[in-house]
Amino acid sequence: GPVKILHDLYFDAWLLRGAGITLGRVVDTSVHARFLGLRETGLATLLSKRFGVALDKKFQQHDWAMRPLDDALRTYLAGDVRHLHDLHRELDADARARLIHGEVLEETGYALRRALRDADDDRLPYAKVKGRHGLDAAGRAVLRRLASAREVLAEARDLPSGRVLSNAAMIELARRRPRSNERMKTMIQGGLRDEESLGLWAGAVREGEADGDVPPDERYLFESERSGMDGALRRRREVALQRWRAETAAARGIDVQVVLPGHCLEAIAGADVREPDDLRRIDGLGEVRIARDGEAITACLAAA
């Protein structure tokens, strides 16, 4: 099919996958903007600075399940995509002129693969929450109860789970386990804080503490995703890679993410990498970077 132009493709790809549609042949103007080192990469800002186009964002938080869509809503939707072709042409030309087009394509492919993997992830809801590995036994049980309560309330109010209670708020509640609704309210920066919701979260905290831990057959979900490498060594490798990345980016006059995206840096620091060929196991790194910097990266790791 034709090339699809999106701005920050993750959510679009994730949502469509859930509806049985798999995106392919995509380009992402937000990846272009980030890799070009632009300070502000939001679509409205880019269109304003490049073309003098002012996007009205008043419907950004609109409930798009409501019907019918009136003329104002359709105009808003059209405006959000009308200028993507022009924007992509400009940013892509800039990327090619700076010889970073290959890296942009690699990062776009990585973003798409991550979205599709996440959409297909059928693990229990709480097993996808970042930060769960640092919780104690009671905290794990509280997180499990909170995630279950969140799903119930999200369905009852017809809202996305993240709007009901953010992952960060769940981790905070599971870690600190507040006793009062007032204390709980101050800790929930992302999510519902009305009396009914607070009562539900407080009940989940109490039930989780009473559980003491998650069931034995679910404890593997909290095993660390990091390698068995010594923590101090891993940190030395991360620092060395960060220093090399910064120096290399400065020498080439490009953004550090082009040299080595953060997700690649973290994966390399924890992997058993001894030769450039080992770097092919790092998702999102790509042949362009391995051919150009594979020797330098492995030398950096050896020195650390």
Protein backbone atom coordinates (compact mmCIF):
# COMPACT_ATOMS: atom_id res chain seq x y z
CA GLY A 1 0.00 0.00 0.00
CA PRO A 2 0.96 3.68 -0.01
CA VAL A 3 3.30 5.29 2.47
CA LYS A 4 1.43 6.46 5.58
CA ILE A 5 2.59 9.73 7.13
CA LEU A 6 1.95 10.08 10.86
CA HIS A 7 3.13 12.32 13.65
CA ASP A 8 4.12 10.20 16.66
CA LEU A 9 2.93 6.90 15.26
CA TYR A 10 2.95 4.79 18.44
CA PHE A 11 -0.62 5.34 19.59
CA ASP A 12 -2.09 5.19 16.08
CA ALA A 13 -0.35 1.89 15.35
CA TRP A 14 -1.26 0.47 18.77
CA LEU A 15 -4.92 1.46 18.47
CA LEU A 16 -5.36 0.21 14.92
CA ARG A 17 -3.71 -3.11 15.78
CA GLY A 18 -6.35 -3.58 18.45
CA ALA A 19 -8.97 -3.14 15.72
CA GLY A 20 -7.31 -5.77 13.53
CA ILE A 21 -5.43 -3.34 11.24
CA THR A 22 -1.64 -3.55 11.04
CA LEU A 23 0.18 -0.46 9.82
CA GLY A 24 3.13 -0.82 7.49
CA ARG A 25 5.17 1.46 5.20
CA VAL A 26 5.06 4.38 7.64
CA VAL A 27 7.03 7.56 8.13
CA ASP A 28 6.89 9.60 11.30
CA THR A 29 7.41 13.36 11.26
CA SER A 30 8.01 13.42 15.01
CA VAL A 31 11.02 11.08 14.62
CA HIS A 32 12.35 13.36 11.88
CA ALA A 33 11.95 16.39 14.15
CA ARG A 34 13.65 14.71 17.13
CA PHE A 35 16.58 13.43 15.10
CA LEU A 36 17.05 16.84 13.51
CA GLY A 37 17.54 18.14 17.05
CA LEU A 38 14.51 20.44 17.00
CA ARG A 39 13.73 21.68 20.48
CA GLU A 40 9.93 21.58 20.10
CA THR A 41 8.54 18.63 18.17
CA GLY A 42 4.77 18.93 18.69
CA LEU A 43 2.75 19.01 15.47
CA ALA A 44 1.11 22.38 16.21
CA THR A 45 4.49 24.02 16.91
CA LEU A 46 6.13 22.56 13.80
CA LEU A 47 3.31 23.68 11.52
CA SER A 48 3.26 27.14 13.07
CA LYS A 49 7.00 27.67 12.64
CA ARG A 50 7.31 26.07 9.21
CA PHE A 51 4.15 27.20 7.47
CA GLY A 52 2.47 29.75 9.72
CA VAL A 53 -0.43 27.35 10.20
CA ALA A 54 -2.29 27.66 13.50
CA LEU A 55 -3.92 24.43 14.67
CA ASP A 56 -6.86 24.81 17.03
CA LYS A 57 -6.29 22.20 19.76
CA LYS A 58 -9.55 22.81 21.64
CA PHE A 59 -10.83 19.30 20.85
CA GLN A 60 -7.63 17.49 21.85
CA GLN A 61 -9.33 15.93 24.89
CA HIS A 62 -12.68 15.44 23.20
CA ASP A 63 -14.55 12.15 23.68
CA TRP A 64 -14.41 10.84 20.10
CA ALA A 65 -16.83 8.02 20.88
CA MET A 66 -19.65 10.59 20.83
CA ARG A 67 -21.74 10.81 17.68
CA PRO A 68 -22.59 12.50 15.42
CA LEU A 69 -19.38 14.32 14.45
CA ASP A 70 -20.39 17.87 13.58
CA ASP A 71 -18.66 20.21 11.12
CA ALA A 72 -16.38 21.70 13.80
CA LEU A 73 -15.11 18.25 14.80
CA ARG A 74 -14.55 17.16 11.20
CA THR A 75 -12.68 20.38 10.48
CA TYR A 76 -10.48 19.74 13.52
CA LEU A 77 -9.68 16.19 12.37
CA ALA A 78 -8.88 17.31 8.84
CA GLY A 79 -6.58 20.07 10.10
CA ASP A 80 -4.62 17.55 12.12
CA VAL A 81 -3.53 15.68 8.98
CA ARG A 82 -3.91 18.23 6.13
CA HIS A 83 -0.33 19.49 6.28
CA LEU A 84 1.53 16.25 7.03
CA HIS A 85 2.66 15.75 3.40
CA ASP A 86 4.24 19.21 3.27
CA LEU A 87 5.81 18.79 6.69
CA HIS A 88 7.27 15.41 5.80
CA ARG A 89 8.74 16.71 2.54
CA GLU A 90 10.58 19.49 4.38
CA LEU A 91 11.83 17.39 7.29
CA ASP A 92 12.82 14.49 5.08
CA ALA A 93 14.83 16.81 2.83
CA ASP A 94 16.61 18.18 5.92
CA ALA A 95 17.37 14.65 7.16
CA ARG A 96 18.79 13.61 3.79
CA ALA A 97 20.89 16.79 3.59
CA ARG A 98 22.38 16.01 7.01
CA LEU A 99 22.96 12.36 6.03
CA ILE A 100 20.80 10.95 8.83
CA HIS A 101 17.99 9.54 6.69
CA GLY A 102 18.97 5.92 7.40
CA GLU A 103 18.90 6.49 11.16
CA VAL A 104 15.47 8.15 10.91
CA LEU A 105 14.07 5.14 9.05
CA GLU A 106 15.60 2.72 11.59
CA GLU A 107 14.04 4.57 14.53
CA THR A 108 10.66 4.73 12.79
CA GLY A 109 10.76 0.98 12.23
CA TYR A 110 11.65 0.41 15.87
CA ALA A 111 8.76 2.61 17.04
CA LEU A 112 6.34 0.69 14.84
CA ARG A 113 7.57 -2.71 16.04
CA ARG A 114 7.30 -1.61 19.67
CA ALA A 115 3.72 -0.41 19.15
CA LEU A 116 2.68 -3.67 17.52
CA ARG A 117 4.40 -5.75 20.23
CA ASP A 118 2.68 -3.76 22.97
CA ALA A 119 -0.70 -4.11 21.27
CA ASP A 120 -0.23 -7.89 21.13
CA ASP A 121 0.91 -8.11 24.76
CA ASP A 122 -1.71 -10.24 26.48
CA ARG A 123 -0.09 -10.30 29.92
CA LEU A 124 -2.12 -9.35 32.97
CA PRO A 125 -2.72 -5.55 33.12
CA TYR A 126 -0.38 -4.89 36.04
CA ALA A 127 2.44 -6.87 34.42
CA LYS A 128 2.91 -4.06 31.89
CA VAL A 129 3.43 -1.27 34.44
CA LYS A 130 6.90 0.24 34.35
CA GLY A 131 8.46 0.45 37.81
CA ARG A 132 6.85 -2.71 39.19
CA HIS A 133 10.19 -4.48 39.68
CA GLY A 134 11.16 -2.28 42.63
CA LEU A 135 8.09 -3.10 44.74
CA ASP A 136 8.12 -5.23 47.87
CA ALA A 137 5.73 -8.17 48.31
CA ALA A 138 2.84 -6.09 49.71
CA GLY A 139 3.43 -3.45 47.05
CA ARG A 140 3.11 -6.08 44.33
CA ALA A 141 -0.20 -7.21 45.77
CA VAL A 142 -1.48 -3.64 46.03
CA LEU A 143 -0.50 -2.95 42.42
CA ARG A 144 -2.36 -6.07 41.32
CA ARG A 145 -5.51 -4.95 43.15
CA LEU A 146 -5.23 -1.36 41.84
CA ALA A 147 -4.87 -2.53 38.26
CA SER A 148 -7.97 -4.68 38.61
CA ALA A 149 -9.95 -1.83 40.15
CA ARG A 150 -8.77 0.52 37.39
CA GLU A 151 -10.07 -1.81 34.68
CA VAL A 152 -13.47 -2.05 36.39
CA LEU A 153 -13.81 1.73 36.74
CA ALA A 154 -12.53 2.38 33.20
CA GLU A 155 -15.21 0.11 31.77
CA ALA A 156 -17.91 1.59 33.99
CA ARG A 157 -17.08 5.17 32.95
CA ASP A 158 -16.11 4.34 29.37
CA LEU A 159 -12.66 5.90 29.73
CA PRO A 160 -9.16 4.75 28.79
CA SER A 161 -7.41 3.06 31.72
CA GLY A 162 -4.66 5.67 31.79
CA ARG A 163 -7.20 8.46 32.24
CA VAL A 164 -8.73 6.63 35.21
CA LEU A 165 -5.42 6.11 37.03
CA SER A 166 -1.97 6.57 35.52
CA ASN A 167 0.70 3.90 35.82
CA ALA A 168 2.91 6.32 37.74
CA ALA A 169 0.12 6.94 40.26
CA MET A 170 -0.43 3.21 40.71
CA ILE A 171 3.25 2.63 41.43
CA GLU A 172 3.26 5.52 43.93
CA LEU A 173 0.18 4.17 45.74
CA ALA A 174 1.61 0.64 45.76
CA ARG A 175 4.92 1.87 47.16
CA ARG A 176 3.62 4.22 49.85
CA ARG A 177 0.17 2.74 50.60
CA PRO A 178 -1.52 5.84 52.09
CA ARG A 179 -4.06 5.45 54.90
CA SER A 180 -6.26 8.50 54.28
CA ASN A 181 -8.19 9.67 51.22
CA GLU A 182 -6.67 13.14 51.56
CA ARG A 183 -3.16 11.74 51.47
CA MET A 184 -4.11 9.54 48.56
CA LYS A 185 -5.53 12.50 46.64
CA THR A 186 -2.22 14.38 46.83
CA MET A 187 -0.40 11.37 45.39
CA ILE A 188 -2.67 10.92 42.37
CA GLN A 189 -1.47 13.44 39.80
CA GLY A 190 -2.76 11.37 36.92
CA GLY A 191 -6.23 9.91 37.37
CA LEU A 192 -9.66 10.27 38.96
CA ARG A 193 -9.85 11.72 42.46
CA ASP A 194 -13.59 11.97 43.14
CA GLU A 195 -14.94 10.29 46.28
CA GLU A 196 -16.09 7.14 44.49
CA SER A 197 -12.70 6.68 42.82
CA LEU A 198 -10.76 7.39 45.99
CA GLY A 199 -12.87 4.84 47.82
CA LEU A 200 -12.07 2.27 45.15
CA TRP A 201 -8.32 2.97 45.31
CA ALA A 202 -8.34 2.88 49.13
CA GLY A 203 -10.14 -0.46 49.06
CA ALA A 204 -7.58 -1.84 46.60
CA VAL A 205 -4.74 -0.74 48.90
CA ARG A 206 -6.34 -2.44 51.91
CA GLU A 207 -7.05 -5.64 49.98
CA GLY A 208 -3.52 -5.75 48.60
CA GLU A 209 -2.00 -5.34 52.05
CA ALA A 210 -4.22 -8.16 53.31
CA ASP A 211 -3.09 -10.37 50.40
CA GLY A 212 0.53 -9.83 51.38
CA ASP A 213 1.84 -10.77 47.90
CA VAL A 214 0.66 -11.80 44.45
CA PRO A 215 -0.17 -15.48 43.84
CA PRO A 216 2.95 -17.66 43.46
CA ASP A 217 2.24 -18.36 39.78
CA GLU A 218 2.32 -14.61 39.01
CA ARG A 219 5.54 -13.70 40.82
CA TYR A 220 7.65 -14.31 37.73
CA LEU A 221 6.06 -11.14 36.30
CA PHE A 222 8.12 -9.12 38.77
CA GLU A 223 11.46 -10.67 37.94
CA SER A 224 13.88 -8.02 36.77
CA GLU A 225 14.05 -7.46 33.03
CA ARG A 226 17.69 -6.42 33.37
CA SER A 227 20.48 -8.82 32.74
CA GLY A 228 22.38 -10.54 35.53
CA MET A 229 25.29 -8.17 34.99
CA ASP A 230 26.81 -6.50 38.03
CA GLY A 231 25.02 -3.18 38.61
CA ALA A 232 28.21 -1.17 39.03
CA LEU A 233 29.62 -2.53 35.77
CA ARG A 234 26.42 -1.80 33.92
CA ARG A 235 26.46 1.79 35.19
CA ARG A 236 30.09 2.24 34.09
CA ARG A 237 29.17 1.00 30.64
CA GLU A 238 26.21 3.40 30.48
CA VAL A 239 28.36 6.37 31.50
CA ALA A 240 31.06 5.43 28.99
CA LEU A 241 28.51 5.09 26.18
CA GLN A 242 26.89 8.41 27.10
CA ARG A 243 30.27 10.16 27.02
CA TRP A 244 31.20 8.60 23.68
CA ARG A 245 27.77 9.43 22.24
CA ALA A 246 28.01 13.09 23.29
CA GLU A 247 31.51 13.49 21.89
CA THR A 248 30.59 11.77 18.64
CA ALA A 249 27.43 13.83 18.18
CA ALA A 250 29.34 17.06 18.79
CA ALA A 251 32.02 16.08 16.29
CA ARG A 252 29.45 15.26 13.62
CA GLY A 253 27.15 18.18 14.41
CA ILE A 254 24.11 15.97 14.93
CA ASP A 255 21.75 15.10 17.76
CA VAL A 256 22.87 12.46 20.28
CA GLN A 257 19.79 10.33 19.49
CA VAL A 258 20.99 9.93 15.92
CA VAL A 259 24.29 8.53 17.14
CA LEU A 260 22.69 6.18 19.66
CA PRO A 261 19.03 6.29 20.77
CA GLY A 262 18.48 6.02 24.52
CA HIS A 263 16.73 2.66 24.27
CA CYS A 264 19.69 1.25 22.31
CA LEU A 265 22.21 2.67 24.79
CA GLU A 266 20.41 1.03 27.71
CA ALA A 267 20.11 -2.30 25.90
CA ILE A 268 23.77 -2.34 24.86
CA ALA A 269 24.97 -1.49 28.37
CA GLY A 270 23.24 -4.57 29.76
CA ALA A 271 24.02 -6.98 26.92
CA ASP A 272 26.88 -9.39 26.36
CA VAL A 273 28.49 -7.41 23.55
CA ARG A 274 32.10 -8.21 22.71
CA GLU A 275 32.25 -7.79 18.93
CA PRO A 276 30.40 -5.55 16.45
CA ASP A 277 28.47 -8.57 15.19
CA ASP A 278 26.92 -8.97 18.68
CA LEU A 279 25.23 -5.58 18.22
CA ARG A 280 22.83 -7.10 15.70
CA ARG A 281 20.82 -8.40 18.66
CA ILE A 282 20.00 -4.82 19.73
CA ASP A 283 16.58 -3.90 18.32
CA GLY A 284 16.54 -0.48 16.70
CA LEU A 285 20.29 -0.08 16.29
CA GLY A 286 20.45 -1.00 12.62
CA GLU A 287 23.12 -1.85 10.08
CA VAL A 288 23.98 1.78 9.35
CA ARG A 289 25.13 2.39 12.92
CA ILE A 290 26.83 -1.00 13.25
CA ALA A 291 28.86 -0.45 10.08
CA ARG A 292 29.87 3.05 11.08
CA ASP A 293 30.29 2.79 14.85
CA GLY A 294 30.34 -0.90 15.78
CA GLU A 295 34.07 -0.96 16.46
CA ALA A 296 33.90 2.27 18.48
CA ILE A 297 31.01 1.00 20.61
CA THR A 298 32.67 -2.31 21.43
CA ALA A 299 35.94 -0.54 22.26
CA CYS A 300 34.01 1.80 24.56
CA LEU A 301 32.44 -1.16 26.36
CA ALA A 302 35.78 -2.95 26.72
CA ALA A 303 37.36 0.13 28.23
CA ALA A 304 34.56 0.38 30.79
